[in-house]
Each structure stands twice: as C-alpha cells, then as structure tokens.
Amino acid sequence: MSHEATCPFSSAPQADPSKGASNRDWWPHSLSLRILQQNPPAIDPFGAGFDYAAAFKTLDLAALKADLRTLMT
C-alpha cells in the first residue's frame, strides 16, 4: 500500500482553470433545474402591459392576512 498523498478528485473531469470550478464540477450528479426555465416571459398570462405593482396596491392586505390566519388555523 502506498503512503503517497494523492488528489481525491483526480477522476473528476478537469474544468478550464481560467474559469474556475463550476457547481457542476463539485456536484456532477445534482438535480438539473433547467426544467424551471421552460416558461419565457412571453408566456405571461396577463400580457406584457400588465402592471403587477399597481395590481398589488389594490389588494386589501388586512383581509388577505385574515384569510391566511383562518386558513392556517
């Protein structure tokens, strides 16, 4: 048995050293999240002209909070 120190990651694919290690280098078997990027902004159900900030301002926050408390209890 050799007592020589070796790199435990030597069997891993080598990344381009000028770019540094990516997440895929460290976790090659991790779950791919690409499926979450399948809906581009063009498929927005309210259209590009919908103003989400203005719609949020019309909410009755007190009623929303009361509904959430009722739901969670």
PDB file of N, CA and C in Angstrom:
ATOM      1  N   MET A   1       0.847  -1.171   0.000  1.00  0.00           N
ATOM      2  CA  MET A   1       0.000   0.000   0.000  1.00  0.00           C
ATOM      3  C   MET A   1       0.890   1.231   0.000  1.00  0.00           C
ATOM      4  N   SER A   2       0.597   2.146  -0.861  1.00  0.00           N
ATOM      5  CA  SER A   2       1.390   3.364  -0.973  1.00  0.00           C
ATOM      6  C   SER A   2       0.907   4.400   0.037  1.00  0.00           C
ATOM      7  N   HIS A   3       1.862   5.060   0.673  1.00  0.00           N
ATOM      8  CA  HIS A   3       1.527   6.121   1.621  1.00  0.00           C
ATOM      9  C   HIS A   3       1.662   7.479   0.966  1.00  0.00           C
ATOM     10  N   GLU A   4       1.747   7.502  -0.345  1.00  0.00           N
ATOM     11  CA  GLU A   4       1.914   8.735  -1.089  1.00  0.00           C
ATOM     12  C   GLU A   4       0.571   9.480  -1.148  1.00  0.00           C
ATOM     13  N   ALA A   5       0.601  10.768  -0.923  1.00  0.00           N
ATOM     14  CA  ALA A   5      -0.632  11.565  -0.966  1.00  0.00           C
ATOM     15  C   ALA A   5      -1.089  11.739  -2.406  1.00  0.00           C
ATOM     16  N   THR A   6      -2.392  11.534  -2.631  1.00  0.00           N
ATOM     17  CA  THR A   6      -2.953  11.724  -3.964  1.00  0.00           C
ATOM     18  C   THR A   6      -4.199  12.589  -3.869  1.00  0.00           C
ATOM     19  N   CYS A   7      -4.548  13.166  -4.977  1.00  0.00           N
ATOM     20  CA  CYS A   7      -5.730  14.029  -5.031  1.00  0.00           C
ATOM     21  C   CYS A   7      -6.983  13.163  -5.075  1.00  0.00           C
ATOM     22  N   PRO A   8      -7.943  13.376  -4.161  1.00  0.00           N
ATOM     23  CA  PRO A   8      -9.159  12.559  -4.164  1.00  0.00           C
ATOM     24  C   PRO A   8     -10.088  12.881  -5.339  1.00  0.00           C
ATOM     25  N   PHE A   9      -9.852  13.995  -6.033  1.00  0.00           N
ATOM     26  CA  PHE A   9     -10.711  14.413  -7.127  1.00  0.00           C
ATOM     27  C   PHE A   9     -10.079  14.170  -8.492  1.00  0.00           C
ATOM     28  N   SER A  10      -9.043  13.366  -8.545  1.00  0.00           N
ATOM     29  CA  SER A  10      -8.316  13.185  -9.797  1.00  0.00           C
ATOM     30  C   SER A  10      -9.150  12.517 -10.878  1.00  0.00           C
ATOM     31  N   SER A  11     -10.200  11.785 -10.516  1.00  0.00           N
ATOM     32  CA  SER A  11     -11.027  11.139 -11.525  1.00  0.00           C
ATOM     33  C   SER A  11     -12.121  12.074 -12.049  1.00  0.00           C
ATOM     34  N   ALA A  12     -12.286  13.229 -11.414  1.00  0.00           N
ATOM     35  CA  ALA A  12     -13.307  14.178 -11.864  1.00  0.00           C
ATOM     36  C   ALA A  12     -12.840  14.875 -13.131  1.00  0.00           C
ATOM     37  N   PRO A  13     -13.790  15.252 -14.008  1.00  0.00           N
ATOM     38  CA  PRO A  13     -13.391  15.967 -15.219  1.00  0.00           C
ATOM     39  C   PRO A  13     -12.736  17.294 -14.872  1.00  0.00           C
ATOM     40  N   GLN A  14     -11.722  17.615 -15.605  1.00  0.00           N
ATOM     41  CA  GLN A  14     -10.984  18.843 -15.330  1.00  0.00           C
ATOM     42  C   GLN A  14     -11.653  20.036 -15.998  1.00  0.00           C
ATOM     43  N   ALA A  15     -11.929  21.068 -15.226  1.00  0.00           N
ATOM     44  CA  ALA A  15     -12.529  22.291 -15.754  1.00  0.00           C
ATOM     45  C   ALA A  15     -11.435  23.191 -16.307  1.00  0.00           C
ATOM     46  N   ASP A  16     -11.837  24.145 -17.099  1.00  0.00           N
ATOM     47  CA  ASP A  16     -10.895  25.129 -17.628  1.00  0.00           C
ATOM     48  C   ASP A  16     -10.386  25.960 -16.452  1.00  0.00           C
ATOM     49  N   PRO A  17      -9.067  25.914 -16.139  1.00  0.00           N
ATOM     50  CA  PRO A  17      -8.559  26.609 -14.954  1.00  0.00           C
ATOM     51  C   PRO A  17      -8.750  28.116 -15.011  1.00  0.00           C
ATOM     52  N   SER A  18      -8.879  28.685 -16.199  1.00  0.00           N
ATOM     53  CA  SER A  18      -9.053  30.137 -16.291  1.00  0.00           C
ATOM     54  C   SER A  18     -10.447  30.564 -15.857  1.00  0.00           C
ATOM     55  N   LYS A  19     -11.425  29.636 -15.840  1.00  0.00           N
ATOM     56  CA  LYS A  19     -12.795  29.966 -15.465  1.00  0.00           C
ATOM     57  C   LYS A  19     -13.118  29.580 -14.033  1.00  0.00           C
ATOM     58  N   GLY A  20     -12.307  28.804 -13.406  1.00  0.00           N
ATOM     59  CA  GLY A  20     -12.586  28.347 -12.059  1.00  0.00           C
ATOM     60  C   GLY A  20     -13.541  27.170 -12.074  1.00  0.00           C
ATOM     61  N   ALA A  21     -13.813  26.620 -10.928  1.00  0.00           N
ATOM     62  CA  ALA A  21     -14.691  25.460 -10.817  1.00  0.00           C
ATOM     63  C   ALA A  21     -16.145  25.903 -10.853  1.00  0.00           C
ATOM     64  N   SER A  22     -16.972  25.162 -11.557  1.00  0.00           N
ATOM     65  CA  SER A  22     -18.401  25.456 -11.599  1.00  0.00           C
ATOM     66  C   SER A  22     -19.118  24.545 -10.605  1.00  0.00           C
ATOM     67  N   ASN A  23     -20.395  24.827 -10.374  1.00  0.00           N
ATOM     68  CA  ASN A  23     -21.185  23.967  -9.488  1.00  0.00           C
ATOM     69  C   ASN A  23     -21.233  22.552 -10.028  1.00  0.00           C
ATOM     70  N   ARG A  24     -21.294  22.384 -11.341  1.00  0.00           N
ATOM     71  CA  ARG A  24     -21.365  21.066 -11.955  1.00  0.00           C
ATOM     72  C   ARG A  24     -20.078  20.284 -11.702  1.00  0.00           C
ATOM     73  N   ASP A  25     -18.931  20.987 -11.547  1.00  0.00           N
ATOM     74  CA  ASP A  25     -17.675  20.301 -11.224  1.00  0.00           C
ATOM     75  C   ASP A  25     -17.730  19.719  -9.812  1.00  0.00           C
ATOM     76  N   TRP A  26     -18.324  20.450  -8.890  1.00  0.00           N
ATOM     77  CA  TRP A  26     -18.364  20.000  -7.496  1.00  0.00           C
ATOM     78  C   TRP A  26     -19.484  18.995  -7.257  1.00  0.00           C
ATOM     79  N   TRP A  27     -20.635  19.197  -7.925  1.00  0.00           N
ATOM     80  CA  TRP A  27     -21.787  18.316  -7.745  1.00  0.00           C
ATOM     81  C   TRP A  27     -22.249  17.802  -9.110  1.00  0.00           C
ATOM     82  N   PRO A  28     -21.522  16.856  -9.699  1.00  0.00           N
ATOM     83  CA  PRO A  28     -21.870  16.401 -11.050  1.00  0.00           C
ATOM     84  C   PRO A  28     -23.195  15.655 -11.136  1.00  0.00           C
ATOM     85  N   HIS A  29     -23.698  15.143 -10.045  1.00  0.00           N
ATOM     86  CA  HIS A  29     -24.941  14.370 -10.069  1.00  0.00           C
ATOM     87  C   HIS A  29     -26.106  15.139  -9.451  1.00  0.00           C
ATOM     88  N   SER A  30     -26.003  16.451  -9.402  1.00  0.00           N
ATOM     89  CA  SER A  30     -27.070  17.234  -8.802  1.00  0.00           C
ATOM     90  C   SER A  30     -28.266  17.338  -9.749  1.00  0.00           C
ATOM     91  N   LEU A  31     -29.385  17.679  -9.201  1.00  0.00           N
ATOM     92  CA  LEU A  31     -30.620  17.789  -9.950  1.00  0.00           C
ATOM     93  C   LEU A  31     -30.555  18.958 -10.925  1.00  0.00           C
ATOM     94  N   SER A  32     -30.903  18.725 -12.164  1.00  0.00           N
ATOM     95  CA  SER A  32     -30.922  19.784 -13.168  1.00  0.00           C
ATOM     96  C   SER A  32     -32.167  20.638 -12.970  1.00  0.00           C
ATOM     97  N   LEU A  33     -31.980  21.951 -12.898  1.00  0.00           N
ATOM     98  CA  LEU A  33     -33.094  22.871 -12.704  1.00  0.00           C
ATOM     99  C   LEU A  33     -33.512  23.535 -14.011  1.00  0.00           C
ATOM    100  N   ARG A  34     -33.016  23.049 -15.133  1.00  0.00           N
ATOM    101  CA  ARG A  34     -33.357  23.646 -16.426  1.00  0.00           C
ATOM    102  C   ARG A  34     -34.852  23.595 -16.714  1.00  0.00           C
ATOM    103  N   ILE A  35     -35.546  22.611 -16.176  1.00  0.00           N
ATOM    104  CA  ILE A  35     -36.975  22.498 -16.409  1.00  0.00           C
ATOM    105  C   ILE A  35     -37.714  23.729 -15.888  1.00  0.00           C
ATOM    106  N   LEU A  36     -37.162  24.398 -14.885  1.00  0.00           N
ATOM    107  CA  LEU A  36     -37.799  25.583 -14.324  1.00  0.00           C
ATOM    108  C   LEU A  36     -37.703  26.788 -15.250  1.00  0.00           C
ATOM    109  N   GLN A  37     -36.836  26.726 -16.244  1.00  0.00           N
ATOM    110  CA  GLN A  37     -36.639  27.845 -17.155  1.00  0.00           C
ATOM    111  C   GLN A  37     -37.422  27.666 -18.455  1.00  0.00           C
ATOM    112  N   GLN A  38     -38.395  26.786 -18.489  1.00  0.00           N
ATOM    113  CA  GLN A  38     -39.084  26.486 -19.732  1.00  0.00           C
ATOM    114  C   GLN A  38     -40.121  27.536 -20.113  1.00  0.00           C
ATOM    115  N   ASN A  39     -40.571  28.355 -19.193  1.00  0.00           N
ATOM    116  CA  ASN A  39     -41.596  29.351 -19.489  1.00  0.00           C
ATOM    117  C   ASN A  39     -40.984  30.740 -19.616  1.00  0.00           C
ATOM    118  N   PRO A  40     -40.765  31.187 -20.831  1.00  0.00           N
ATOM    119  CA  PRO A  40     -40.180  32.521 -21.008  1.00  0.00           C
ATOM    120  C   PRO A  40     -41.180  33.611 -20.625  1.00  0.00           C
ATOM    121  N   PRO A  41     -40.718  34.817 -20.388  1.00  0.00           N
ATOM    122  CA  PRO A  41     -41.622  35.910 -20.018  1.00  0.00           C
ATOM    123  C   PRO A  41     -42.715  36.169 -21.057  1.00  0.00           C
ATOM    124  N   ALA A  42     -42.517  35.750 -22.284  1.00  0.00           N
ATOM    125  CA  ALA A  42     -43.521  35.968 -23.329  1.00  0.00           C
ATOM    126  C   ALA A  42     -44.811  35.207 -23.057  1.00  0.00           C
ATOM    127  N   ILE A  43     -44.794  34.209 -22.185  1.00  0.00           N
ATOM    128  CA  ILE A  43     -45.985  33.419 -21.880  1.00  0.00           C
ATOM    129  C   ILE A  43     -46.706  33.968 -20.644  1.00  0.00           C
ATOM    130  N   ASP A  44     -46.447  35.191 -20.293  1.00  0.00           N
ATOM    131  CA  ASP A  44     -47.079  35.830 -19.141  1.00  0.00           C
ATOM    132  C   ASP A  44     -48.602  35.815 -19.327  1.00  0.00           C
ATOM    133  N   PRO A  45     -49.367  35.254 -18.373  1.00  0.00           N
ATOM    134  CA  PRO A  45     -50.814  35.132 -18.563  1.00  0.00           C
ATOM    135  C   PRO A  45     -51.543  36.478 -18.638  1.00  0.00           C
ATOM    136  N   PHE A  46     -50.969  37.524 -18.081  1.00  0.00           N
ATOM    137  CA  PHE A  46     -51.624  38.828 -18.097  1.00  0.00           C
ATOM    138  C   PHE A  46     -51.099  39.732 -19.215  1.00  0.00           C
ATOM    139  N   GLY A  47     -50.106  39.295 -19.938  1.00  0.00           N
ATOM    140  CA  GLY A  47     -49.565  40.100 -21.035  1.00  0.00           C
ATOM    141  C   GLY A  47     -48.476  41.050 -20.576  1.00  0.00           C
ATOM    142  N   ALA A  48     -47.751  41.572 -21.522  1.00  0.00           N
ATOM    143  CA  ALA A  48     -46.609  42.441 -21.212  1.00  0.00           C
ATOM    144  C   ALA A  48     -47.035  43.773 -20.613  1.00  0.00           C
ATOM    145  N   GLY A  49     -48.262  44.212 -20.900  1.00  0.00           N
ATOM    146  CA  GLY A  49     -48.706  45.518 -20.411  1.00  0.00           C
ATOM    147  C   GLY A  49     -49.289  45.501 -19.010  1.00  0.00           C
ATOM    148  N   PHE A  50     -49.377  44.344 -18.387  1.00  0.00           N
ATOM    149  CA  PHE A  50     -49.970  44.250 -17.046  1.00  0.00           C
ATOM    150  C   PHE A  50     -49.033  44.843 -16.015  1.00  0.00           C
ATOM    151  N   ASP A  51     -49.561  45.709 -15.151  1.00  0.00           N
ATOM    152  CA  ASP A  51     -48.759  46.375 -14.121  1.00  0.00           C
ATOM    153  C   ASP A  51     -48.974  45.656 -12.786  1.00  0.00           C
ATOM    154  N   TYR A  52     -48.043  44.782 -12.445  1.00  0.00           N
ATOM    155  CA  TYR A  52     -48.163  43.993 -11.216  1.00  0.00           C
ATOM    156  C   TYR A  52     -48.125  44.872  -9.968  1.00  0.00           C
ATOM    157  N   ALA A  53     -47.310  45.935  -9.995  1.00  0.00           N
ATOM    158  CA  ALA A  53     -47.214  46.827  -8.832  1.00  0.00           C
ATOM    159  C   ALA A  53     -48.549  47.522  -8.581  1.00  0.00           C
ATOM    160  N   ALA A  54     -49.200  47.986  -9.631  1.00  0.00           N
ATOM    161  CA  ALA A  54     -50.499  48.649  -9.469  1.00  0.00           C
ATOM    162  C   ALA A  54     -51.549  47.654  -8.983  1.00  0.00           C
ATOM    163  N   ALA A  55     -51.515  46.438  -9.496  1.00  0.00           N
ATOM    164  CA  ALA A  55     -52.469  45.413  -9.058  1.00  0.00           C
ATOM    165  C   ALA A  55     -52.244  45.064  -7.591  1.00  0.00           C
ATOM    166  N   PHE A  56     -51.003  45.030  -7.157  1.00  0.00           N
ATOM    167  CA  PHE A  56     -50.702  44.718  -5.749  1.00  0.00           C
ATOM    168  C   PHE A  56     -51.241  45.802  -4.830  1.00  0.00           C
ATOM    169  N   LYS A  57     -51.178  47.065  -5.278  1.00  0.00           N
ATOM    170  CA  LYS A  57     -51.660  48.178  -4.451  1.00  0.00           C
ATOM    171  C   LYS A  57     -53.171  48.123  -4.241  1.00  0.00           C
ATOM    172  N   THR A  58     -53.887  47.418  -5.109  1.00  0.00           N
ATOM    173  CA  THR A  58     -55.337  47.332  -4.961  1.00  0.00           C
ATOM    174  C   THR A  58     -55.769  46.238  -3.981  1.00  0.00           C
ATOM    175  N   LEU A  59     -54.840  45.436  -3.506  1.00  0.00           N
ATOM    176  CA  LEU A  59     -55.173  44.360  -2.572  1.00  0.00           C
ATOM    177  C   LEU A  59     -55.566  44.908  -1.209  1.00  0.00           C
ATOM    178  N   ASP A  60     -56.529  44.266  -0.588  1.00  0.00           N
ATOM    179  CA  ASP A  60     -56.899  44.574   0.793  1.00  0.00           C
ATOM    180  C   ASP A  60     -56.028  43.670   1.672  1.00  0.00           C
ATOM    181  N   LEU A  61     -54.889  44.198   2.119  1.00  0.00           N
ATOM    182  CA  LEU A  61     -53.923  43.374   2.853  1.00  0.00           C
ATOM    183  C   LEU A  61     -54.469  42.874   4.189  1.00  0.00           C
ATOM    184  N   ALA A  62     -55.290  43.675   4.841  1.00  0.00           N
ATOM    185  CA  ALA A  62     -55.873  43.226   6.120  1.00  0.00           C
ATOM    186  C   ALA A  62     -56.766  42.008   5.889  1.00  0.00           C
ATOM    187  N   ALA A  63     -57.564  42.036   4.846  1.00  0.00           N
ATOM    188  CA  ALA A  63     -58.435  40.893   4.545  1.00  0.00           C
ATOM    189  C   ALA A  63     -57.608  39.682   4.129  1.00  0.00           C
ATOM    190  N   LEU A  64     -56.544  39.917   3.374  1.00  0.00           N
ATOM    191  CA  LEU A  64     -55.659  38.820   2.965  1.00  0.00           C
ATOM    192  C   LEU A  64     -55.024  38.156   4.178  1.00  0.00           C
ATOM    193  N   LYS A  65     -54.533  38.974   5.121  1.00  0.00           N
ATOM    194  CA  LYS A  65     -53.941  38.422   6.337  1.00  0.00           C
ATOM    195  C   LYS A  65     -54.963  37.639   7.149  1.00  0.00           C
ATOM    196  N   ALA A  66     -56.184  38.136   7.229  1.00  0.00           N
ATOM    197  CA  ALA A  66     -57.231  37.440   7.974  1.00  0.00           C
ATOM    198  C   ALA A  66     -57.558  36.109   7.307  1.00  0.00           C
ATOM    199  N   ASP A  67     -57.626  36.108   5.988  1.00  0.00           N
ATOM    200  CA  ASP A  67     -57.879  34.853   5.259  1.00  0.00           C
ATOM    201  C   ASP A  67     -56.766  33.840   5.501  1.00  0.00           C
ATOM    202  N   LEU A  68     -55.525  34.303   5.500  1.00  0.00           N
ATOM    203  CA  LEU A  68     -54.393  33.405   5.733  1.00  0.00           C
ATOM    204  C   LEU A  68     -54.406  32.847   7.155  1.00  0.00           C
ATOM    205  N   ARG A  69     -54.743  33.682   8.121  1.00  0.00           N
ATOM    206  CA  ARG A  69     -54.833  33.187   9.517  1.00  0.00           C
ATOM    207  C   ARG A  69     -55.922  32.114   9.628  1.00  0.00           C
ATOM    208  N   THR A  70     -57.071  32.353   8.982  1.00  0.00           N
ATOM    209  CA  THR A  70     -58.165  31.379   9.011  1.00  0.00           C
ATOM    210  C   THR A  70     -57.724  30.076   8.344  1.00  0.00           C
ATOM    211  N   LEU A  71     -57.028  30.201   7.227  1.00  0.00           N
ATOM    212  CA  LEU A  71     -56.566  29.026   6.509  1.00  0.00           C
ATOM    213  C   LEU A  71     -55.590  28.199   7.327  1.00  0.00           C
ATOM    214  N   MET A  72     -54.700  28.873   8.046  1.00  0.00           N
ATOM    215  CA  MET A  72     -53.629  28.159   8.769  1.00  0.00           C
ATOM    216  C   MET A  72     -54.021  27.679  10.156  1.00  0.00           C
ATOM    217  N   THR A  73     -55.214  28.038  10.617  1.00  0.00           N
ATOM    218  CA  THR A  73     -55.621  27.583  11.957  1.00  0.00           C
ATOM    219  C   THR A  73     -56.778  26.625  11.890  1.00  0.00           C
TER     220      THR A  73
END
